[in-house]
Amino acid sequence: PASKNVNKKTTRVSQKKNKKQTNT
């Protein structure tokens, strides 16, 4: 569970970064 939460957080952060990069 902890690892999943960590993975979710990391994926969300990476998705946000990717979105920002694509938007830019």
PDBML (XML) file of the C-alpha atoms, coordinates in Angstrom:
<?xml version="1.0" encoding="UTF-8" ?>
<PDBx:datablock datablockName="MODEL"
   xmlns:PDBx="http://pdbml.pdb.org/schema/pdbx-v50.xsd"
   xmlns:xsi="http://www.w3.org/2001/XMLSchema-instance"
   xsi:schemaLocation="http://pdbml.pdb.org/schema/pdbx-v50.xsd pdbx-v50.xsd">
   <PDBx:atom_siteCategory>
      <PDBx:atom_site id="1">
         <PDBx:B_iso_or_equiv>0.00</PDBx:B_iso_or_equiv>
         <PDBx:Cartn_x>0.000</PDBx:Cartn_x>
         <PDBx:Cartn_y>0.000</PDBx:Cartn_y>
         <PDBx:Cartn_z>0.000</PDBx:Cartn_z>
         <PDBx:auth_asym_id>A</PDBx:auth_asym_id>
         <PDBx:auth_atom_id>CA</PDBx:auth_atom_id>
         <PDBx:auth_comp_id>PRO</PDBx:auth_comp_id>
         <PDBx:auth_seq_id>1</PDBx:auth_seq_id>
         <PDBx:group_PDB>ATOM</PDBx:group_PDB>
         <PDBx:label_alt_id xsi:nil="true" />
         <PDBx:label_asym_id>A</PDBx:label_asym_id>
         <PDBx:label_atom_id>CA</PDBx:label_atom_id>
         <PDBx:label_comp_id>PRO</PDBx:label_comp_id>
         <PDBx:label_entity_id>1</PDBx:label_entity_id>
         <PDBx:label_seq_id>1</PDBx:label_seq_id>
         <PDBx:occupancy>1.00</PDBx:occupancy>
         <PDBx:pdbx_PDB_model_num>1</PDBx:pdbx_PDB_model_num>
         <PDBx:type_symbol>C</PDBx:type_symbol>
      </PDBx:atom_site>
      <PDBx:atom_site id="2">
         <PDBx:B_iso_or_equiv>0.00</PDBx:B_iso_or_equiv>
         <PDBx:Cartn_x>2.707</PDBx:Cartn_x>
         <PDBx:Cartn_y>2.455</PDBx:Cartn_y>
         <PDBx:Cartn_z>0.862</PDBx:Cartn_z>
         <PDBx:auth_asym_id>A</PDBx:auth_asym_id>
         <PDBx:auth_atom_id>CA</PDBx:auth_atom_id>
         <PDBx:auth_comp_id>ALA</PDBx:auth_comp_id>
         <PDBx:auth_seq_id>2</PDBx:auth_seq_id>
         <PDBx:group_PDB>ATOM</PDBx:group_PDB>
         <PDBx:label_alt_id xsi:nil="true" />
         <PDBx:label_asym_id>A</PDBx:label_asym_id>
         <PDBx:label_atom_id>CA</PDBx:label_atom_id>
         <PDBx:label_comp_id>ALA</PDBx:label_comp_id>
         <PDBx:label_entity_id>1</PDBx:label_entity_id>
         <PDBx:label_seq_id>2</PDBx:label_seq_id>
         <PDBx:occupancy>1.00</PDBx:occupancy>
         <PDBx:pdbx_PDB_model_num>1</PDBx:pdbx_PDB_model_num>
         <PDBx:type_symbol>C</PDBx:type_symbol>
      </PDBx:atom_site>
      <PDBx:atom_site id="3">
         <PDBx:B_iso_or_equiv>0.00</PDBx:B_iso_or_equiv>
         <PDBx:Cartn_x>4.592</PDBx:Cartn_x>
         <PDBx:Cartn_y>1.657</PDBx:Cartn_y>
         <PDBx:Cartn_z>-2.290</PDBx:Cartn_z>
         <PDBx:auth_asym_id>A</PDBx:auth_asym_id>
         <PDBx:auth_atom_id>CA</PDBx:auth_atom_id>
         <PDBx:auth_comp_id>SER</PDBx:auth_comp_id>
         <PDBx:auth_seq_id>3</PDBx:auth_seq_id>
         <PDBx:group_PDB>ATOM</PDBx:group_PDB>
         <PDBx:label_alt_id xsi:nil="true" />
         <PDBx:label_asym_id>A</PDBx:label_asym_id>
         <PDBx:label_atom_id>CA</PDBx:label_atom_id>
         <PDBx:label_comp_id>SER</PDBx:label_comp_id>
         <PDBx:label_entity_id>1</PDBx:label_entity_id>
         <PDBx:label_seq_id>3</PDBx:label_seq_id>
         <PDBx:occupancy>1.00</PDBx:occupancy>
         <PDBx:pdbx_PDB_model_num>1</PDBx:pdbx_PDB_model_num>
         <PDBx:type_symbol>C</PDBx:type_symbol>
      </PDBx:atom_site>
      <PDBx:atom_site id="4">
         <PDBx:B_iso_or_equiv>0.00</PDBx:B_iso_or_equiv>
         <PDBx:Cartn_x>1.399</PDBx:Cartn_x>
         <PDBx:Cartn_y>2.005</PDBx:Cartn_y>
         <PDBx:Cartn_z>-4.314</PDBx:Cartn_z>
         <PDBx:auth_asym_id>A</PDBx:auth_asym_id>
         <PDBx:auth_atom_id>CA</PDBx:auth_atom_id>
         <PDBx:auth_comp_id>LYS</PDBx:auth_comp_id>
         <PDBx:auth_seq_id>4</PDBx:auth_seq_id>
         <PDBx:group_PDB>ATOM</PDBx:group_PDB>
         <PDBx:label_alt_id xsi:nil="true" />
         <PDBx:label_asym_id>A</PDBx:label_asym_id>
         <PDBx:label_atom_id>CA</PDBx:label_atom_id>
         <PDBx:label_comp_id>LYS</PDBx:label_comp_id>
         <PDBx:label_entity_id>1</PDBx:label_entity_id>
         <PDBx:label_seq_id>4</PDBx:label_seq_id>
         <PDBx:occupancy>1.00</PDBx:occupancy>
         <PDBx:pdbx_PDB_model_num>1</PDBx:pdbx_PDB_model_num>
         <PDBx:type_symbol>C</PDBx:type_symbol>
      </PDBx:atom_site>
      <PDBx:atom_site id="5">
         <PDBx:B_iso_or_equiv>0.00</PDBx:B_iso_or_equiv>
         <PDBx:Cartn_x>0.725</PDBx:Cartn_x>
         <PDBx:Cartn_y>5.402</PDBx:Cartn_y>
         <PDBx:Cartn_z>-2.818</PDBx:Cartn_z>
         <PDBx:auth_asym_id>A</PDBx:auth_asym_id>
         <PDBx:auth_atom_id>CA</PDBx:auth_atom_id>
         <PDBx:auth_comp_id>ASN</PDBx:auth_comp_id>
         <PDBx:auth_seq_id>5</PDBx:auth_seq_id>
         <PDBx:group_PDB>ATOM</PDBx:group_PDB>
         <PDBx:label_alt_id xsi:nil="true" />
         <PDBx:label_asym_id>A</PDBx:label_asym_id>
         <PDBx:label_atom_id>CA</PDBx:label_atom_id>
         <PDBx:label_comp_id>ASN</PDBx:label_comp_id>
         <PDBx:label_entity_id>1</PDBx:label_entity_id>
         <PDBx:label_seq_id>5</PDBx:label_seq_id>
         <PDBx:occupancy>1.00</PDBx:occupancy>
         <PDBx:pdbx_PDB_model_num>1</PDBx:pdbx_PDB_model_num>
         <PDBx:type_symbol>C</PDBx:type_symbol>
      </PDBx:atom_site>
      <PDBx:atom_site id="6">
         <PDBx:B_iso_or_equiv>0.00</PDBx:B_iso_or_equiv>
         <PDBx:Cartn_x>4.269</PDBx:Cartn_x>
         <PDBx:Cartn_y>6.425</PDBx:Cartn_y>
         <PDBx:Cartn_z>-3.541</PDBx:Cartn_z>
         <PDBx:auth_asym_id>A</PDBx:auth_asym_id>
         <PDBx:auth_atom_id>CA</PDBx:auth_atom_id>
         <PDBx:auth_comp_id>VAL</PDBx:auth_comp_id>
         <PDBx:auth_seq_id>6</PDBx:auth_seq_id>
         <PDBx:group_PDB>ATOM</PDBx:group_PDB>
         <PDBx:label_alt_id xsi:nil="true" />
         <PDBx:label_asym_id>A</PDBx:label_asym_id>
         <PDBx:label_atom_id>CA</PDBx:label_atom_id>
         <PDBx:label_comp_id>VAL</PDBx:label_comp_id>
         <PDBx:label_entity_id>1</PDBx:label_entity_id>
         <PDBx:label_seq_id>6</PDBx:label_seq_id>
         <PDBx:occupancy>1.00</PDBx:occupancy>
         <PDBx:pdbx_PDB_model_num>1</PDBx:pdbx_PDB_model_num>
         <PDBx:type_symbol>C</PDBx:type_symbol>
      </PDBx:atom_site>
      <PDBx:atom_site id="7">
         <PDBx:B_iso_or_equiv>0.00</PDBx:B_iso_or_equiv>
         <PDBx:Cartn_x>4.003</PDBx:Cartn_x>
         <PDBx:Cartn_y>5.112</PDBx:Cartn_y>
         <PDBx:Cartn_z>-7.085</PDBx:Cartn_z>
         <PDBx:auth_asym_id>A</PDBx:auth_asym_id>
         <PDBx:auth_atom_id>CA</PDBx:auth_atom_id>
         <PDBx:auth_comp_id>ASN</PDBx:auth_comp_id>
         <PDBx:auth_seq_id>7</PDBx:auth_seq_id>
         <PDBx:group_PDB>ATOM</PDBx:group_PDB>
         <PDBx:label_alt_id xsi:nil="true" />
         <PDBx:label_asym_id>A</PDBx:label_asym_id>
         <PDBx:label_atom_id>CA</PDBx:label_atom_id>
         <PDBx:label_comp_id>ASN</PDBx:label_comp_id>
         <PDBx:label_entity_id>1</PDBx:label_entity_id>
         <PDBx:label_seq_id>7</PDBx:label_seq_id>
         <PDBx:occupancy>1.00</PDBx:occupancy>
         <PDBx:pdbx_PDB_model_num>1</PDBx:pdbx_PDB_model_num>
         <PDBx:type_symbol>C</PDBx:type_symbol>
      </PDBx:atom_site>
      <PDBx:atom_site id="8">
         <PDBx:B_iso_or_equiv>0.00</PDBx:B_iso_or_equiv>
         <PDBx:Cartn_x>0.683</PDBx:Cartn_x>
         <PDBx:Cartn_y>6.933</PDBx:Cartn_y>
         <PDBx:Cartn_z>-7.586</PDBx:Cartn_z>
         <PDBx:auth_asym_id>A</PDBx:auth_asym_id>
         <PDBx:auth_atom_id>CA</PDBx:auth_atom_id>
         <PDBx:auth_comp_id>LYS</PDBx:auth_comp_id>
         <PDBx:auth_seq_id>8</PDBx:auth_seq_id>
         <PDBx:group_PDB>ATOM</PDBx:group_PDB>
         <PDBx:label_alt_id xsi:nil="true" />
         <PDBx:label_asym_id>A</PDBx:label_asym_id>
         <PDBx:label_atom_id>CA</PDBx:label_atom_id>
         <PDBx:label_comp_id>LYS</PDBx:label_comp_id>
         <PDBx:label_entity_id>1</PDBx:label_entity_id>
         <PDBx:label_seq_id>8</PDBx:label_seq_id>
         <PDBx:occupancy>1.00</PDBx:occupancy>
         <PDBx:pdbx_PDB_model_num>1</PDBx:pdbx_PDB_model_num>
         <PDBx:type_symbol>C</PDBx:type_symbol>
      </PDBx:atom_site>
      <PDBx:atom_site id="9">
         <PDBx:B_iso_or_equiv>0.00</PDBx:B_iso_or_equiv>
         <PDBx:Cartn_x>2.168</PDBx:Cartn_x>
         <PDBx:Cartn_y>10.142</PDBx:Cartn_y>
         <PDBx:Cartn_z>-6.355</PDBx:Cartn_z>
         <PDBx:auth_asym_id>A</PDBx:auth_asym_id>
         <PDBx:auth_atom_id>CA</PDBx:auth_atom_id>
         <PDBx:auth_comp_id>LYS</PDBx:auth_comp_id>
         <PDBx:auth_seq_id>9</PDBx:auth_seq_id>
         <PDBx:group_PDB>ATOM</PDBx:group_PDB>
         <PDBx:label_alt_id xsi:nil="true" />
         <PDBx:label_asym_id>A</PDBx:label_asym_id>
         <PDBx:label_atom_id>CA</PDBx:label_atom_id>
         <PDBx:label_comp_id>LYS</PDBx:label_comp_id>
         <PDBx:label_entity_id>1</PDBx:label_entity_id>
         <PDBx:label_seq_id>9</PDBx:label_seq_id>
         <PDBx:occupancy>1.00</PDBx:occupancy>
         <PDBx:pdbx_PDB_model_num>1</PDBx:pdbx_PDB_model_num>
         <PDBx:type_symbol>C</PDBx:type_symbol>
      </PDBx:atom_site>
      <PDBx:atom_site id="10">
         <PDBx:B_iso_or_equiv>0.00</PDBx:B_iso_or_equiv>
         <PDBx:Cartn_x>5.191</PDBx:Cartn_x>
         <PDBx:Cartn_y>9.758</PDBx:Cartn_y>
         <PDBx:Cartn_z>-8.568</PDBx:Cartn_z>
         <PDBx:auth_asym_id>A</PDBx:auth_asym_id>
         <PDBx:auth_atom_id>CA</PDBx:auth_atom_id>
         <PDBx:auth_comp_id>THR</PDBx:auth_comp_id>
         <PDBx:auth_seq_id>10</PDBx:auth_seq_id>
         <PDBx:group_PDB>ATOM</PDBx:group_PDB>
         <PDBx:label_alt_id xsi:nil="true" />
         <PDBx:label_asym_id>A</PDBx:label_asym_id>
         <PDBx:label_atom_id>CA</PDBx:label_atom_id>
         <PDBx:label_comp_id>THR</PDBx:label_comp_id>
         <PDBx:label_entity_id>1</PDBx:label_entity_id>
         <PDBx:label_seq_id>10</PDBx:label_seq_id>
         <PDBx:occupancy>1.00</PDBx:occupancy>
         <PDBx:pdbx_PDB_model_num>1</PDBx:pdbx_PDB_model_num>
         <PDBx:type_symbol>C</PDBx:type_symbol>
      </PDBx:atom_site>
      <PDBx:atom_site id="11">
         <PDBx:B_iso_or_equiv>0.00</PDBx:B_iso_or_equiv>
         <PDBx:Cartn_x>3.031</PDBx:Cartn_x>
         <PDBx:Cartn_y>8.937</PDBx:Cartn_y>
         <PDBx:Cartn_z>-11.597</PDBx:Cartn_z>
         <PDBx:auth_asym_id>A</PDBx:auth_asym_id>
         <PDBx:auth_atom_id>CA</PDBx:auth_atom_id>
         <PDBx:auth_comp_id>THR</PDBx:auth_comp_id>
         <PDBx:auth_seq_id>11</PDBx:auth_seq_id>
         <PDBx:group_PDB>ATOM</PDBx:group_PDB>
         <PDBx:label_alt_id xsi:nil="true" />
         <PDBx:label_asym_id>A</PDBx:label_asym_id>
         <PDBx:label_atom_id>CA</PDBx:label_atom_id>
         <PDBx:label_comp_id>THR</PDBx:label_comp_id>
         <PDBx:label_entity_id>1</PDBx:label_entity_id>
         <PDBx:label_seq_id>11</PDBx:label_seq_id>
         <PDBx:occupancy>1.00</PDBx:occupancy>
         <PDBx:pdbx_PDB_model_num>1</PDBx:pdbx_PDB_model_num>
         <PDBx:type_symbol>C</PDBx:type_symbol>
      </PDBx:atom_site>
      <PDBx:atom_site id="12">
         <PDBx:B_iso_or_equiv>0.00</PDBx:B_iso_or_equiv>
         <PDBx:Cartn_x>0.808</PDBx:Cartn_x>
         <PDBx:Cartn_y>11.933</PDBx:Cartn_y>
         <PDBx:Cartn_z>-10.937</PDBx:Cartn_z>
         <PDBx:auth_asym_id>A</PDBx:auth_asym_id>
         <PDBx:auth_atom_id>CA</PDBx:auth_atom_id>
         <PDBx:auth_comp_id>ARG</PDBx:auth_comp_id>
         <PDBx:auth_seq_id>12</PDBx:auth_seq_id>
         <PDBx:group_PDB>ATOM</PDBx:group_PDB>
         <PDBx:label_alt_id xsi:nil="true" />
         <PDBx:label_asym_id>A</PDBx:label_asym_id>
         <PDBx:label_atom_id>CA</PDBx:label_atom_id>
         <PDBx:label_comp_id>ARG</PDBx:label_comp_id>
         <PDBx:label_entity_id>1</PDBx:label_entity_id>
         <PDBx:label_seq_id>12</PDBx:label_seq_id>
         <PDBx:occupancy>1.00</PDBx:occupancy>
         <PDBx:pdbx_PDB_model_num>1</PDBx:pdbx_PDB_model_num>
         <PDBx:type_symbol>C</PDBx:type_symbol>
      </PDBx:atom_site>
      <PDBx:atom_site id="13">
         <PDBx:B_iso_or_equiv>0.00</PDBx:B_iso_or_equiv>
         <PDBx:Cartn_x>3.773</PDBx:Cartn_x>
         <PDBx:Cartn_y>14.211</PDBx:Cartn_y>
         <PDBx:Cartn_z>-10.608</PDBx:Cartn_z>
         <PDBx:auth_asym_id>A</PDBx:auth_asym_id>
         <PDBx:auth_atom_id>CA</PDBx:auth_atom_id>
         <PDBx:auth_comp_id>VAL</PDBx:auth_comp_id>
         <PDBx:auth_seq_id>13</PDBx:auth_seq_id>
         <PDBx:group_PDB>ATOM</PDBx:group_PDB>
         <PDBx:label_alt_id xsi:nil="true" />
         <PDBx:label_asym_id>A</PDBx:label_asym_id>
         <PDBx:label_atom_id>CA</PDBx:label_atom_id>
         <PDBx:label_comp_id>VAL</PDBx:label_comp_id>
         <PDBx:label_entity_id>1</PDBx:label_entity_id>
         <PDBx:label_seq_id>13</PDBx:label_seq_id>
         <PDBx:occupancy>1.00</PDBx:occupancy>
         <PDBx:pdbx_PDB_model_num>1</PDBx:pdbx_PDB_model_num>
         <PDBx:type_symbol>C</PDBx:type_symbol>
      </PDBx:atom_site>
      <PDBx:atom_site id="14">
         <PDBx:B_iso_or_equiv>0.00</PDBx:B_iso_or_equiv>
         <PDBx:Cartn_x>5.298</PDBx:Cartn_x>
         <PDBx:Cartn_y>12.788</PDBx:Cartn_y>
         <PDBx:Cartn_z>-13.777</PDBx:Cartn_z>
         <PDBx:auth_asym_id>A</PDBx:auth_asym_id>
         <PDBx:auth_atom_id>CA</PDBx:auth_atom_id>
         <PDBx:auth_comp_id>SER</PDBx:auth_comp_id>
         <PDBx:auth_seq_id>14</PDBx:auth_seq_id>
         <PDBx:group_PDB>ATOM</PDBx:group_PDB>
         <PDBx:label_alt_id xsi:nil="true" />
         <PDBx:label_asym_id>A</PDBx:label_asym_id>
         <PDBx:label_atom_id>CA</PDBx:label_atom_id>
         <PDBx:label_comp_id>SER</PDBx:label_comp_id>
         <PDBx:label_entity_id>1</PDBx:label_entity_id>
         <PDBx:label_seq_id>14</PDBx:label_seq_id>
         <PDBx:occupancy>1.00</PDBx:occupancy>
         <PDBx:pdbx_PDB_model_num>1</PDBx:pdbx_PDB_model_num>
         <PDBx:type_symbol>C</PDBx:type_symbol>
      </PDBx:atom_site>
      <PDBx:atom_site id="15">
         <PDBx:B_iso_or_equiv>0.00</PDBx:B_iso_or_equiv>
         <PDBx:Cartn_x>1.973</PDBx:Cartn_x>
         <PDBx:Cartn_y>13.159</PDBx:Cartn_y>
         <PDBx:Cartn_z>-15.645</PDBx:Cartn_z>
         <PDBx:auth_asym_id>A</PDBx:auth_asym_id>
         <PDBx:auth_atom_id>CA</PDBx:auth_atom_id>
         <PDBx:auth_comp_id>GLN</PDBx:auth_comp_id>
         <PDBx:auth_seq_id>15</PDBx:auth_seq_id>
         <PDBx:group_PDB>ATOM</PDBx:group_PDB>
         <PDBx:label_alt_id xsi:nil="true" />
         <PDBx:label_asym_id>A</PDBx:label_asym_id>
         <PDBx:label_atom_id>CA</PDBx:label_atom_id>
         <PDBx:label_comp_id>GLN</PDBx:label_comp_id>
         <PDBx:label_entity_id>1</PDBx:label_entity_id>
         <PDBx:label_seq_id>15</PDBx:label_seq_id>
         <PDBx:occupancy>1.00</PDBx:occupancy>
         <PDBx:pdbx_PDB_model_num>1</PDBx:pdbx_PDB_model_num>
         <PDBx:type_symbol>C</PDBx:type_symbol>
      </PDBx:atom_site>
      <PDBx:atom_site id="16">
         <PDBx:B_iso_or_equiv>0.00</PDBx:B_iso_or_equiv>
         <PDBx:Cartn_x>1.692</PDBx:Cartn_x>
         <PDBx:Cartn_y>16.760</PDBx:Cartn_y>
         <PDBx:Cartn_z>-14.539</PDBx:Cartn_z>
         <PDBx:auth_asym_id>A</PDBx:auth_asym_id>
         <PDBx:auth_atom_id>CA</PDBx:auth_atom_id>
         <PDBx:auth_comp_id>LYS</PDBx:auth_comp_id>
         <PDBx:auth_seq_id>16</PDBx:auth_seq_id>
         <PDBx:group_PDB>ATOM</PDBx:group_PDB>
         <PDBx:label_alt_id xsi:nil="true" />
         <PDBx:label_asym_id>A</PDBx:label_asym_id>
         <PDBx:label_atom_id>CA</PDBx:label_atom_id>
         <PDBx:label_comp_id>LYS</PDBx:label_comp_id>
         <PDBx:label_entity_id>1</PDBx:label_entity_id>
         <PDBx:label_seq_id>16</PDBx:label_seq_id>
         <PDBx:occupancy>1.00</PDBx:occupancy>
         <PDBx:pdbx_PDB_model_num>1</PDBx:pdbx_PDB_model_num>
         <PDBx:type_symbol>C</PDBx:type_symbol>
      </PDBx:atom_site>
      <PDBx:atom_site id="17">
         <PDBx:B_iso_or_equiv>0.00</PDBx:B_iso_or_equiv>
         <PDBx:Cartn_x>5.218</PDBx:Cartn_x>
         <PDBx:Cartn_y>17.428</PDBx:Cartn_y>
         <PDBx:Cartn_z>-15.663</PDBx:Cartn_z>
         <PDBx:auth_asym_id>A</PDBx:auth_asym_id>
         <PDBx:auth_atom_id>CA</PDBx:auth_atom_id>
         <PDBx:auth_comp_id>LYS</PDBx:auth_comp_id>
         <PDBx:auth_seq_id>17</PDBx:auth_seq_id>
         <PDBx:group_PDB>ATOM</PDBx:group_PDB>
         <PDBx:label_alt_id xsi:nil="true" />
         <PDBx:label_asym_id>A</PDBx:label_asym_id>
         <PDBx:label_atom_id>CA</PDBx:label_atom_id>
         <PDBx:label_comp_id>LYS</PDBx:label_comp_id>
         <PDBx:label_entity_id>1</PDBx:label_entity_id>
         <PDBx:label_seq_id>17</PDBx:label_seq_id>
         <PDBx:occupancy>1.00</PDBx:occupancy>
         <PDBx:pdbx_PDB_model_num>1</PDBx:pdbx_PDB_model_num>
         <PDBx:type_symbol>C</PDBx:type_symbol>
      </PDBx:atom_site>
      <PDBx:atom_site id="18">
         <PDBx:B_iso_or_equiv>0.00</PDBx:B_iso_or_equiv>
         <PDBx:Cartn_x>4.550</PDBx:Cartn_x>
         <PDBx:Cartn_y>15.767</PDBx:Cartn_y>
         <PDBx:Cartn_z>-18.993</PDBx:Cartn_z>
         <PDBx:auth_asym_id>A</PDBx:auth_asym_id>
         <PDBx:auth_atom_id>CA</PDBx:auth_atom_id>
         <PDBx:auth_comp_id>ASN</PDBx:auth_comp_id>
         <PDBx:auth_seq_id>18</PDBx:auth_seq_id>
         <PDBx:group_PDB>ATOM</PDBx:group_PDB>
         <PDBx:label_alt_id xsi:nil="true" />
         <PDBx:label_asym_id>A</PDBx:label_asym_id>
         <PDBx:label_atom_id>CA</PDBx:label_atom_id>
         <PDBx:label_comp_id>ASN</PDBx:label_comp_id>
         <PDBx:label_entity_id>1</PDBx:label_entity_id>
         <PDBx:label_seq_id>18</PDBx:label_seq_id>
         <PDBx:occupancy>1.00</PDBx:occupancy>
         <PDBx:pdbx_PDB_model_num>1</PDBx:pdbx_PDB_model_num>
         <PDBx:type_symbol>C</PDBx:type_symbol>
      </PDBx:atom_site>
      <PDBx:atom_site id="19">
         <PDBx:B_iso_or_equiv>0.00</PDBx:B_iso_or_equiv>
         <PDBx:Cartn_x>1.361</PDBx:Cartn_x>
         <PDBx:Cartn_y>17.824</PDBx:Cartn_y>
         <PDBx:Cartn_z>-19.444</PDBx:Cartn_z>
         <PDBx:auth_asym_id>A</PDBx:auth_asym_id>
         <PDBx:auth_atom_id>CA</PDBx:auth_atom_id>
         <PDBx:auth_comp_id>LYS</PDBx:auth_comp_id>
         <PDBx:auth_seq_id>19</PDBx:auth_seq_id>
         <PDBx:group_PDB>ATOM</PDBx:group_PDB>
         <PDBx:label_alt_id xsi:nil="true" />
         <PDBx:label_asym_id>A</PDBx:label_asym_id>
         <PDBx:label_atom_id>CA</PDBx:label_atom_id>
         <PDBx:label_comp_id>LYS</PDBx:label_comp_id>
         <PDBx:label_entity_id>1</PDBx:label_entity_id>
         <PDBx:label_seq_id>19</PDBx:label_seq_id>
         <PDBx:occupancy>1.00</PDBx:occupancy>
         <PDBx:pdbx_PDB_model_num>1</PDBx:pdbx_PDB_model_num>
         <PDBx:type_symbol>C</PDBx:type_symbol>
      </PDBx:atom_site>
      <PDBx:atom_site id="20">
         <PDBx:B_iso_or_equiv>0.00</PDBx:B_iso_or_equiv>
         <PDBx:Cartn_x>3.208</PDBx:Cartn_x>
         <PDBx:Cartn_y>21.005</PDBx:Cartn_y>
         <PDBx:Cartn_z>-18.642</PDBx:Cartn_z>
         <PDBx:auth_asym_id>A</PDBx:auth_asym_id>
         <PDBx:auth_atom_id>CA</PDBx:auth_atom_id>
         <PDBx:auth_comp_id>LYS</PDBx:auth_comp_id>
         <PDBx:auth_seq_id>20</PDBx:auth_seq_id>
         <PDBx:group_PDB>ATOM</PDBx:group_PDB>
         <PDBx:label_alt_id xsi:nil="true" />
         <PDBx:label_asym_id>A</PDBx:label_asym_id>
         <PDBx:label_atom_id>CA</PDBx:label_atom_id>
         <PDBx:label_comp_id>LYS</PDBx:label_comp_id>
         <PDBx:label_entity_id>1</PDBx:label_entity_id>
         <PDBx:label_seq_id>20</PDBx:label_seq_id>
         <PDBx:occupancy>1.00</PDBx:occupancy>
         <PDBx:pdbx_PDB_model_num>1</PDBx:pdbx_PDB_model_num>
         <PDBx:type_symbol>C</PDBx:type_symbol>
      </PDBx:atom_site>
      <PDBx:atom_site id="21">
         <PDBx:B_iso_or_equiv>0.00</PDBx:B_iso_or_equiv>
         <PDBx:Cartn_x>5.956</PDBx:Cartn_x>
         <PDBx:Cartn_y>20.091</PDBx:Cartn_y>
         <PDBx:Cartn_z>-21.069</PDBx:Cartn_z>
         <PDBx:auth_asym_id>A</PDBx:auth_asym_id>
         <PDBx:auth_atom_id>CA</PDBx:auth_atom_id>
         <PDBx:auth_comp_id>GLN</PDBx:auth_comp_id>
         <PDBx:auth_seq_id>21</PDBx:auth_seq_id>
         <PDBx:group_PDB>ATOM</PDBx:group_PDB>
         <PDBx:label_alt_id xsi:nil="true" />
         <PDBx:label_asym_id>A</PDBx:label_asym_id>
         <PDBx:label_atom_id>CA</PDBx:label_atom_id>
         <PDBx:label_comp_id>GLN</PDBx:label_comp_id>
         <PDBx:label_entity_id>1</PDBx:label_entity_id>
         <PDBx:label_seq_id>21</PDBx:label_seq_id>
         <PDBx:occupancy>1.00</PDBx:occupancy>
         <PDBx:pdbx_PDB_model_num>1</PDBx:pdbx_PDB_model_num>
         <PDBx:type_symbol>C</PDBx:type_symbol>
      </PDBx:atom_site>
      <PDBx:atom_site id="22">
         <PDBx:B_iso_or_equiv>0.00</PDBx:B_iso_or_equiv>
         <PDBx:Cartn_x>3.452</PDBx:Cartn_x>
         <PDBx:Cartn_y>19.274</PDBx:Cartn_y>
         <PDBx:Cartn_z>-23.813</PDBx:Cartn_z>
         <PDBx:auth_asym_id>A</PDBx:auth_asym_id>
         <PDBx:auth_atom_id>CA</PDBx:auth_atom_id>
         <PDBx:auth_comp_id>THR</PDBx:auth_comp_id>
         <PDBx:auth_seq_id>22</PDBx:auth_seq_id>
         <PDBx:group_PDB>ATOM</PDBx:group_PDB>
         <PDBx:label_alt_id xsi:nil="true" />
         <PDBx:label_asym_id>A</PDBx:label_asym_id>
         <PDBx:label_atom_id>CA</PDBx:label_atom_id>
         <PDBx:label_comp_id>THR</PDBx:label_comp_id>
         <PDBx:label_entity_id>1</PDBx:label_entity_id>
         <PDBx:label_seq_id>22</PDBx:label_seq_id>
         <PDBx:occupancy>1.00</PDBx:occupancy>
         <PDBx:pdbx_PDB_model_num>1</PDBx:pdbx_PDB_model_num>
         <PDBx:type_symbol>C</PDBx:type_symbol>
      </PDBx:atom_site>
      <PDBx:atom_site id="23">
         <PDBx:B_iso_or_equiv>0.00</PDBx:B_iso_or_equiv>
         <PDBx:Cartn_x>1.517</PDBx:Cartn_x>
         <PDBx:Cartn_y>22.486</PDBx:Cartn_y>
         <PDBx:Cartn_z>-23.146</PDBx:Cartn_z>
         <PDBx:auth_asym_id>A</PDBx:auth_asym_id>
         <PDBx:auth_atom_id>CA</PDBx:auth_atom_id>
         <PDBx:auth_comp_id>ASN</PDBx:auth_comp_id>
         <PDBx:auth_seq_id>23</PDBx:auth_seq_id>
         <PDBx:group_PDB>ATOM</PDBx:group_PDB>
         <PDBx:label_alt_id xsi:nil="true" />
         <PDBx:label_asym_id>A</PDBx:label_asym_id>
         <PDBx:label_atom_id>CA</PDBx:label_atom_id>
         <PDBx:label_comp_id>ASN</PDBx:label_comp_id>
         <PDBx:label_entity_id>1</PDBx:label_entity_id>
         <PDBx:label_seq_id>23</PDBx:label_seq_id>
         <PDBx:occupancy>1.00</PDBx:occupancy>
         <PDBx:pdbx_PDB_model_num>1</PDBx:pdbx_PDB_model_num>
         <PDBx:type_symbol>C</PDBx:type_symbol>
      </PDBx:atom_site>
      <PDBx:atom_site id="24">
         <PDBx:B_iso_or_equiv>0.00</PDBx:B_iso_or_equiv>
         <PDBx:Cartn_x>4.678</PDBx:Cartn_x>
         <PDBx:Cartn_y>24.532</PDBx:Cartn_y>
         <PDBx:Cartn_z>-23.289</PDBx:Cartn_z>
         <PDBx:auth_asym_id>A</PDBx:auth_asym_id>
         <PDBx:auth_atom_id>CA</PDBx:auth_atom_id>
         <PDBx:auth_comp_id>THR</PDBx:auth_comp_id>
         <PDBx:auth_seq_id>24</PDBx:auth_seq_id>
         <PDBx:group_PDB>ATOM</PDBx:group_PDB>
         <PDBx:label_alt_id xsi:nil="true" />
         <PDBx:label_asym_id>A</PDBx:label_asym_id>
         <PDBx:label_atom_id>CA</PDBx:label_atom_id>
         <PDBx:label_comp_id>THR</PDBx:label_comp_id>
         <PDBx:label_entity_id>1</PDBx:label_entity_id>
         <PDBx:label_seq_id>24</PDBx:label_seq_id>
         <PDBx:occupancy>1.00</PDBx:occupancy>
         <PDBx:pdbx_PDB_model_num>1</PDBx:pdbx_PDB_model_num>
         <PDBx:type_symbol>C</PDBx:type_symbol>
      </PDBx:atom_site>
   </PDBx:atom_siteCategory>
</PDBx:datablock>
